[in-house]
Structures are given as structure tokens and as C-alpha cells.
Protein backbone atom coordinates (compact mmCIF):
# COMPACT_ATOMS: atom_id res chain seq x y z
CA UNK A 1 22.49 10.26 -26.54
CA UNK A 2 19.76 8.68 -24.36
CA UNK A 3 18.19 10.61 -21.51
CA UNK A 4 19.63 8.14 -19.00
CA UNK A 5 23.15 8.89 -20.21
CA UNK A 6 22.43 12.61 -19.97
CA UNK A 7 21.24 12.15 -16.40
CA UNK A 8 24.49 10.40 -15.56
CA UNK A 9 26.41 13.35 -16.99
CA UNK A 10 24.65 15.66 -14.52
CA UNK A 11 25.93 13.49 -11.65
CA UNK A 12 29.53 14.66 -12.42
CA UNK A 13 30.95 11.25 -11.59
CA UNK A 14 34.55 12.46 -11.47
CA UNK A 15 33.73 14.49 -8.33
CA UNK A 16 32.29 11.55 -6.36
CA UNK A 17 35.62 10.10 -5.10
CA UNK A 18 36.22 13.38 -3.23
CA UNK A 19 33.02 13.00 -1.23
CA UNK A 20 34.16 9.49 -0.30
CA UNK A 21 37.53 10.64 1.08
CA UNK A 22 36.31 11.96 4.42
CA UNK A 23 33.78 9.14 4.79
CA UNK A 24 36.26 6.29 4.34
CA UNK A 25 38.75 8.14 6.54
CA UNK A 26 36.26 8.41 9.40
CA UNK A 27 35.12 4.80 9.04
CA UNK A 28 38.69 3.48 8.95
CA UNK A 29 39.74 5.50 12.00
CA UNK A 30 36.71 4.21 13.89
CA UNK A 31 37.71 0.65 12.90
CA UNK A 32 41.21 1.33 14.25
CA UNK A 33 39.61 1.97 17.63
CA UNK A 34 37.48 -1.17 17.45
CA UNK A 35 34.21 0.19 16.03
CA UNK A 36 32.82 -1.13 12.77
CA UNK A 37 29.29 -1.87 11.59
CA UNK A 38 29.06 -3.02 7.95
CA UNK A 39 25.45 -1.90 7.51
CA UNK A 40 26.20 1.56 8.86
CA UNK A 41 29.27 1.71 6.61
CA UNK A 42 27.30 0.86 3.47
CA UNK A 43 24.46 3.29 4.24
CA UNK A 44 26.92 6.07 5.08
CA UNK A 45 28.55 5.66 1.68
CA UNK A 46 25.21 5.50 -0.16
CA UNK A 47 23.78 8.55 1.64
CA UNK A 48 26.93 10.54 0.98
CA UNK A 49 26.83 9.70 -2.73
CA UNK A 50 23.17 10.76 -2.94
CA UNK A 51 23.98 14.08 -1.24
CA UNK A 52 26.96 14.74 -3.51
CA UNK A 53 24.93 13.99 -6.65
CA UNK A 54 22.15 16.25 -5.33
CA UNK A 55 24.70 19.02 -4.84
CA UNK A 56 26.12 18.55 -8.34
CA UNK A 57 22.70 18.66 -10.00
CA UNK A 58 21.59 21.72 -8.02
CA UNK A 59 24.95 23.39 -8.73
CA UNK A 60 24.55 22.96 -12.49
CA UNK A 61 20.99 24.27 -12.41
CA UNK A 62 21.90 27.25 -10.22
CA UNK A 63 24.91 28.19 -12.37
CA UNK A 64 22.84 27.97 -15.55
CA UNK A 65 20.03 30.10 -14.10
CA UNK A 66 22.51 32.80 -13.12
CA UNK A 67 24.32 32.76 -16.45
CA UNK A 68 27.61 31.51 -14.99
CA UNK A 69 27.88 28.44 -17.22
CA UNK A 70 28.22 29.70 -20.79
CA UNK A 71 30.03 28.66 -23.95
CA UNK A 72 33.10 30.50 -22.56
CA UNK A 73 33.34 28.18 -19.56
CA UNK A 74 36.82 26.66 -19.13
CA UNK A 75 35.64 23.36 -17.61
CA UNK A 76 33.64 20.50 -19.16
CA UNK A 77 30.40 21.51 -20.90
CA UNK A 78 27.24 20.81 -18.92
CA UNK A 79 24.08 19.31 -20.36
CA UNK A 80 21.66 22.04 -19.25
CA UNK A 81 23.44 24.84 -21.08
CA UNK A 82 23.70 22.62 -24.16
CA UNK A 83 19.91 22.25 -24.20
CA UNK A 84 20.04 18.45 -23.98
CA UNK A 85 17.98 18.56 -20.77
CA UNK A 86 15.50 21.15 -19.51
CA UNK A 87 15.17 22.91 -16.17
CA UNK A 88 12.10 20.75 -15.54
CA UNK A 89 14.28 17.65 -15.90
CA UNK A 90 16.72 19.09 -13.36
CA UNK A 91 14.00 19.87 -10.83
CA UNK A 92 12.73 16.29 -11.18
CA UNK A 93 16.27 15.04 -10.51
CA UNK A 94 16.60 17.32 -7.47
CA UNK A 95 13.31 16.07 -6.00
CA UNK A 96 14.40 12.48 -6.65
CA UNK A 97 17.76 12.84 -4.90
CA UNK A 98 16.29 14.77 -1.99
CA UNK A 99 13.92 11.80 -1.48
CA UNK A 100 16.71 9.25 -1.89
CA UNK A 101 18.95 11.16 0.55
CA UNK A 102 16.15 11.31 3.13
CA UNK A 103 15.25 7.62 2.83
CA UNK A 104 18.86 6.47 2.92
CA UNK A 105 19.70 8.84 5.78
CA UNK A 106 16.78 7.67 7.91
CA UNK A 107 17.71 4.02 7.41
CA UNK A 108 21.29 4.92 8.31
CA UNK A 109 20.21 6.56 11.56
CA UNK A 110 18.02 3.57 12.39
CA UNK A 111 20.97 1.21 11.93
CA UNK A 112 23.31 3.50 13.88
CA UNK A 113 20.84 3.98 16.75
CA UNK A 114 22.21 0.89 18.52
CA UNK A 115 25.34 2.96 19.32
CA UNK A 116 23.85 6.45 19.57
CA UNK A 117 21.69 7.85 22.37
CA UNK A 118 18.41 9.63 21.62
CA UNK A 119 19.55 13.26 21.71
CA UNK A 120 22.42 12.55 19.32
CA UNK A 121 20.07 10.87 16.86
CA UNK A 122 18.16 14.15 16.67
CA UNK A 123 21.44 16.02 16.24
CA UNK A 124 22.47 13.77 13.35
CA UNK A 125 19.01 14.19 11.82
CA UNK A 126 19.41 17.97 12.02
CA UNK A 127 22.87 17.78 10.43
CA UNK A 128 21.50 15.59 7.63
CA UNK A 129 18.73 18.12 6.95
CA UNK A 130 21.32 20.90 7.00
CA UNK A 131 23.42 18.98 4.46
CA UNK A 132 20.46 18.68 2.07
CA UNK A 133 19.67 22.39 2.35
CA UNK A 134 23.35 23.31 1.92
CA UNK A 135 23.65 21.07 -1.16
CA UNK A 136 20.73 22.82 -2.86
CA UNK A 137 21.45 26.42 -1.98
CA UNK A 138 25.17 26.41 -2.78
CA UNK A 139 24.30 28.00 -6.14
CA UNK A 140 20.47 28.08 -6.14
CA UNK A 141 18.14 30.66 -4.66
CA UNK A 142 18.36 34.45 -4.50
CA UNK A 143 21.44 34.58 -2.23
CA UNK A 144 23.48 31.39 -2.88
CA UNK A 145 26.38 31.20 -0.46
CA UNK A 146 28.63 29.70 -3.15
CA UNK A 147 28.40 33.03 -4.99
CA UNK A 148 29.37 35.06 -1.93
CA UNK A 149 32.81 33.65 -1.15
CA UNK A 150 31.69 30.99 1.35
CA UNK A 151 32.37 27.96 -0.83
CA UNK A 152 35.76 27.23 0.74
CA UNK A 153 34.57 27.16 4.34
CA UNK A 154 31.55 25.07 3.27
CA UNK A 155 33.78 22.48 1.58
CA UNK A 156 36.10 22.38 4.59
CA UNK A 157 33.17 21.71 6.91
CA UNK A 158 31.26 19.15 4.82
CA UNK A 159 34.12 17.39 3.01
CA UNK A 160 36.44 17.50 6.01
CA UNK A 161 35.08 17.94 9.51
CA UNK A 162 31.50 16.70 9.21
CA UNK A 163 32.33 13.93 6.74
CA UNK A 164 35.12 12.47 8.85
CA UNK A 165 33.80 13.13 12.35
CA UNK A 166 30.24 12.24 11.37
CA UNK A 167 31.14 8.89 9.81
CA UNK A 168 33.35 8.11 12.83
CA UNK A 169 30.52 9.01 15.21
CA UNK A 170 27.97 6.87 13.37
CA UNK A 171 30.25 3.88 13.88
CA UNK A 172 31.41 4.54 17.43
CA UNK A 173 28.75 6.67 19.10
CA UNK A 174 31.55 9.03 20.21
CA UNK A 175 34.42 10.96 18.68
CA UNK A 176 38.10 10.89 19.60
CA UNK A 177 39.16 14.56 19.81
CA UNK A 178 42.41 14.01 17.90
CA UNK A 179 40.47 12.86 14.81
CA UNK A 180 39.90 16.54 14.08
CA UNK A 181 43.46 16.61 12.68
CA UNK A 182 43.02 14.06 9.85
CA UNK A 183 39.52 15.49 9.34
CA UNK A 184 41.09 18.92 8.82
CA UNK A 185 43.68 17.39 6.46
CA UNK A 186 40.93 15.96 4.28
CA UNK A 187 39.05 19.26 4.44
CA UNK A 188 42.07 21.31 3.36
CA UNK A 189 42.79 19.01 0.41
CA UNK A 190 39.12 19.16 -0.61
CA UNK A 191 39.19 22.96 -0.48
CA UNK A 192 42.22 22.66 -2.75
CA UNK A 193 40.04 20.94 -5.35
CA UNK A 194 37.54 23.81 -5.22
CA UNK A 195 40.37 26.34 -5.40
CA UNK A 196 41.82 24.82 -8.58
CA UNK A 197 38.33 24.86 -10.07
CA UNK A 198 37.91 28.52 -9.11
CA UNK A 199 41.33 29.55 -10.44
CA UNK A 200 40.48 27.87 -13.73
CA UNK A 201 37.12 29.68 -13.94
CA UNK A 202 38.26 33.15 -12.78
CA UNK A 203 37.43 34.82 -16.08
CA UNK A 204 33.84 33.60 -16.31
CA UNK A 205 33.16 33.71 -12.55
CA UNK A 206 34.20 37.36 -12.29
CA UNK A 207 30.99 38.42 -14.05
CA UNK A 208 28.63 37.55 -11.20
CA UNK A 209 30.41 35.46 -8.59
CA UNK A 210 32.78 36.03 -5.65
CA UNK A 211 35.41 33.33 -5.09
CA UNK A 212 38.68 33.33 -3.17
CA UNK A 213 40.82 33.50 -6.36
CA UNK A 214 38.80 36.50 -7.58
CA UNK A 215 39.33 38.23 -4.23
CA UNK A 216 43.05 37.37 -4.07
CA UNK A 217 44.11 37.41 -7.71
CA UNK A 218 45.68 34.44 -9.49
CA UNK A 219 49.17 34.61 -7.95
CA UNK A 220 47.95 34.89 -4.36
CA UNK A 221 45.33 32.22 -5.06
CA UNK A 222 48.16 29.86 -6.01
CA UNK A 223 50.01 30.75 -2.79
CA UNK A 224 46.77 29.98 -0.94
CA UNK A 225 46.54 26.69 -2.84
CA UNK A 226 50.07 25.73 -1.82
CA UNK A 227 49.17 26.45 1.82
CA UNK A 228 46.09 24.23 1.55
CA UNK A 229 48.01 21.24 0.17
CA UNK A 230 50.98 21.61 2.54
CA UNK A 231 48.61 22.23 5.45
CA UNK A 232 46.79 18.98 4.70
CA UNK A 233 50.04 17.03 4.86
CA UNK A 234 51.04 18.73 8.11
CA UNK A 235 47.70 17.86 9.73
CA UNK A 236 48.20 14.17 8.92
CA UNK A 237 51.77 14.23 10.29
CA UNK A 238 50.69 16.17 13.38
CA UNK A 239 48.13 13.47 14.23
CA UNK A 240 50.92 10.87 14.27
CA UNK A 241 53.04 13.13 16.47
CA UNK A 242 50.15 13.78 18.87
CA UNK A 243 49.59 10.02 19.11
CA UNK A 244 53.34 9.57 19.78
CA UNK A 245 53.57 7.09 16.93
CA UNK A 246 57.08 6.53 15.55
CA UNK A 247 56.55 3.30 13.57
CA UNK A 248 57.24 3.67 9.85
CA UNK A 249 53.94 1.90 9.17
CA UNK A 250 52.10 4.95 10.51
CA UNK A 251 53.73 7.11 7.82
CA UNK A 252 52.97 4.85 4.88
CA UNK A 253 50.72 7.51 3.35
CA UNK A 254 53.73 9.76 2.69
CA UNK A 255 54.38 7.85 -0.53
CA UNK A 256 51.82 10.29 -1.99
CA UNK A 257 54.06 13.32 -1.39
CA UNK A 258 55.72 13.29 -4.85
CA UNK A 259 52.28 13.39 -6.50
CA UNK A 260 51.20 16.37 -4.40
CA UNK A 261 54.50 18.14 -5.14
CA UNK A 262 53.95 17.52 -8.87
CA UNK A 263 50.42 18.90 -8.50
CA UNK A 264 51.57 22.10 -6.79
CA UNK A 265 54.25 22.70 -9.44
CA UNK A 266 51.68 22.13 -12.20
CA UNK A 267 49.21 24.58 -10.65
CA UNK A 268 51.93 27.25 -10.57
CA UNK A 269 52.80 26.63 -14.22
CA UNK A 270 49.29 26.41 -15.68
CA UNK A 271 46.32 28.74 -16.05
CA UNK A 272 42.76 28.62 -17.36
CA UNK A 273 41.55 25.49 -19.13
CA UNK A 274 45.00 23.87 -18.80
CA UNK A 275 44.30 23.49 -15.06
CA UNK A 276 41.34 21.18 -15.67
CA UNK A 277 43.46 17.99 -15.62
CA UNK A 278 44.67 18.92 -12.14
CA UNK A 279 41.16 18.53 -10.73
CA UNK A 280 40.78 14.72 -11.15
CA UNK A 281 44.43 14.31 -10.14
CA UNK A 282 43.85 16.09 -6.83
CA UNK A 283 40.49 14.35 -6.26
CA UNK A 284 41.97 10.86 -6.70
CA UNK A 285 45.16 11.75 -4.79
CA UNK A 286 43.09 12.96 -1.84
CA UNK A 287 41.06 9.74 -1.78
CA UNK A 288 44.18 7.56 -2.04
CA UNK A 289 45.98 9.46 0.71
CA UNK A 290 42.97 9.21 3.04
CA UNK A 291 42.80 5.47 2.34
CA UNK A 292 46.55 5.14 2.90
CA UNK A 293 46.43 7.14 6.13
CA UNK A 294 43.60 5.04 7.53
CA UNK A 295 45.26 1.87 6.24
CA UNK A 296 48.58 2.74 7.88
CA UNK A 297 46.85 2.98 11.25
CA UNK A 298 44.92 -0.22 10.67
CA UNK A 299 48.22 -2.02 10.04
CA UNK A 300 49.38 -0.89 13.48
CA UNK A 301 46.37 -2.49 15.12
């Protein structure tokens, strides 16, 4: 296999739709309220993809360095532990995607500056820097927060609140307070993806890592998972109620409910490696529901 193909494997392409969920949700909700800039939209998507790939590469390197990814791992095999790429290759990739994230992010802020006052530009710059640091030190460094039980809250913040509210703000220069509800919905569903991953990997993670499933045990972790998925649906519905919207068009996204019900039932039935197929299902379902939610509101306007 060529080195280019190996590099693409480190990107973990199947995870990328999840990072897009909160972004497209925020952009679509801003468009509903009359704010849309195509250039800002494109650069927001590009910057987010660079940050997610950076996180994936750093995550693989950090896990390998700490001995978490071994031959016993329940998920897909990674290229570093197979010896196909070296740690030096991974550091080069990290430096590359830090640079790409910075360049793309700065261009994004320049394009968005027509709608954003000076102090908020600095705030967005600080948040972008924070996102780069958080992406790297999720599993890397001496005290990675992903190994100390903080992965769930991190995913909720970055894949829910900051992703949705930030992309909305870059378009509009302000944020409608009620958007925190769909942002929370996306965050809860994204945490669900991490939780399935962590339930699957409980056996290998227990050696040197603290995750919510390890703290709770498998049964309670599945109860927690059910709460996450149901909570996400309730946040979407609550937004419609808060906005006093009774049109059936606003509830178009509920066609996804059977898929989420199937997912919850499957998680309760399966364990270990058998859970792996539930990860792409939940990732794609989250993206589709976010698109459908935003689309339902766009149809109303």
C-alpha cells in the first residue's frame, strides 16, 4: 500500500461526517434567520475537517504511545501499531494539519470579519487556538484529558455547542439564545458516538484509561447511552415547542426516529467488537438528522 493511502487511513474518514453535523446545523439555522455567506460556509467546513483530521492523527499517536492500541483492540486496526508508518510520519502529519488549520482558520476569520466586531474576532481566534490544543492533547502529552474521563464533556462542547453556535455566529455575527437547544441535541448524539466506542473498547481501555463506561460498568453505560440518544431527540423537539411551531414541516426530522430506536436496541443486545457497526450508523444518522432539522426550518421560511 502506498504511503499516501496509509496517510488517508490515519484520517479516519468514517468519523468526519460527525464533525460536519454541528457545522451544517449552525449554518442552516443562521440561513433560516437570513444570514448566509458562501465563502464563510466553505471555510468553516474546511477548517473543521482539518481540525478533525488533526484530532484523529494525534489520537492514534497518543494511544499508540500509551499502549492503548494493541492487537487486542476491538475496533479497526490502525496503521501506526501495524508498523506501516512511524511516529516521525505522524508528527509530520500533525505539524501539517496544525498549519493547515491555522491558515484556513485565519482566512475564515478574515472573511467573517465583515459581520463580526473586533473583540469577537479575538474571541474566535482564541477559541480556534483552544480547539487546536484540545485536538492534540486529547490523548497526547503526560496528562491527556481523554484518559481522565473528560472525553464526553469535550465532545459535547466541541461537537455540539461550539460547533453549532460558532458556525452560526460566523455567519450572523450574533447568536439566537434558543439555538443552544439544537446545539445540545447534536452534542448529546455526538457523545453517544464516543460512548459506543468506549463501551466497545472497555476491555482494552481498562488497562490505562478512564472512560464513562469503565466508571459505570457496561449495563449502566448502556442506560447512559439511551439517555444521550433520547435526550438529543427531546432537545430538538423542545426547540420547536419554544419557538411555538406547530407545522408538520418543522417536525420532518422525526422520520429518523425508527433508526435511532433500532440503534438503541442494537446497543443493548451487542457487546465488544459487535458494536463496531453501530458507530458509522450513529455518525451518519446524526448528520442526517441535523440536516433534516435544519432543512425542516428552512422549508418554513
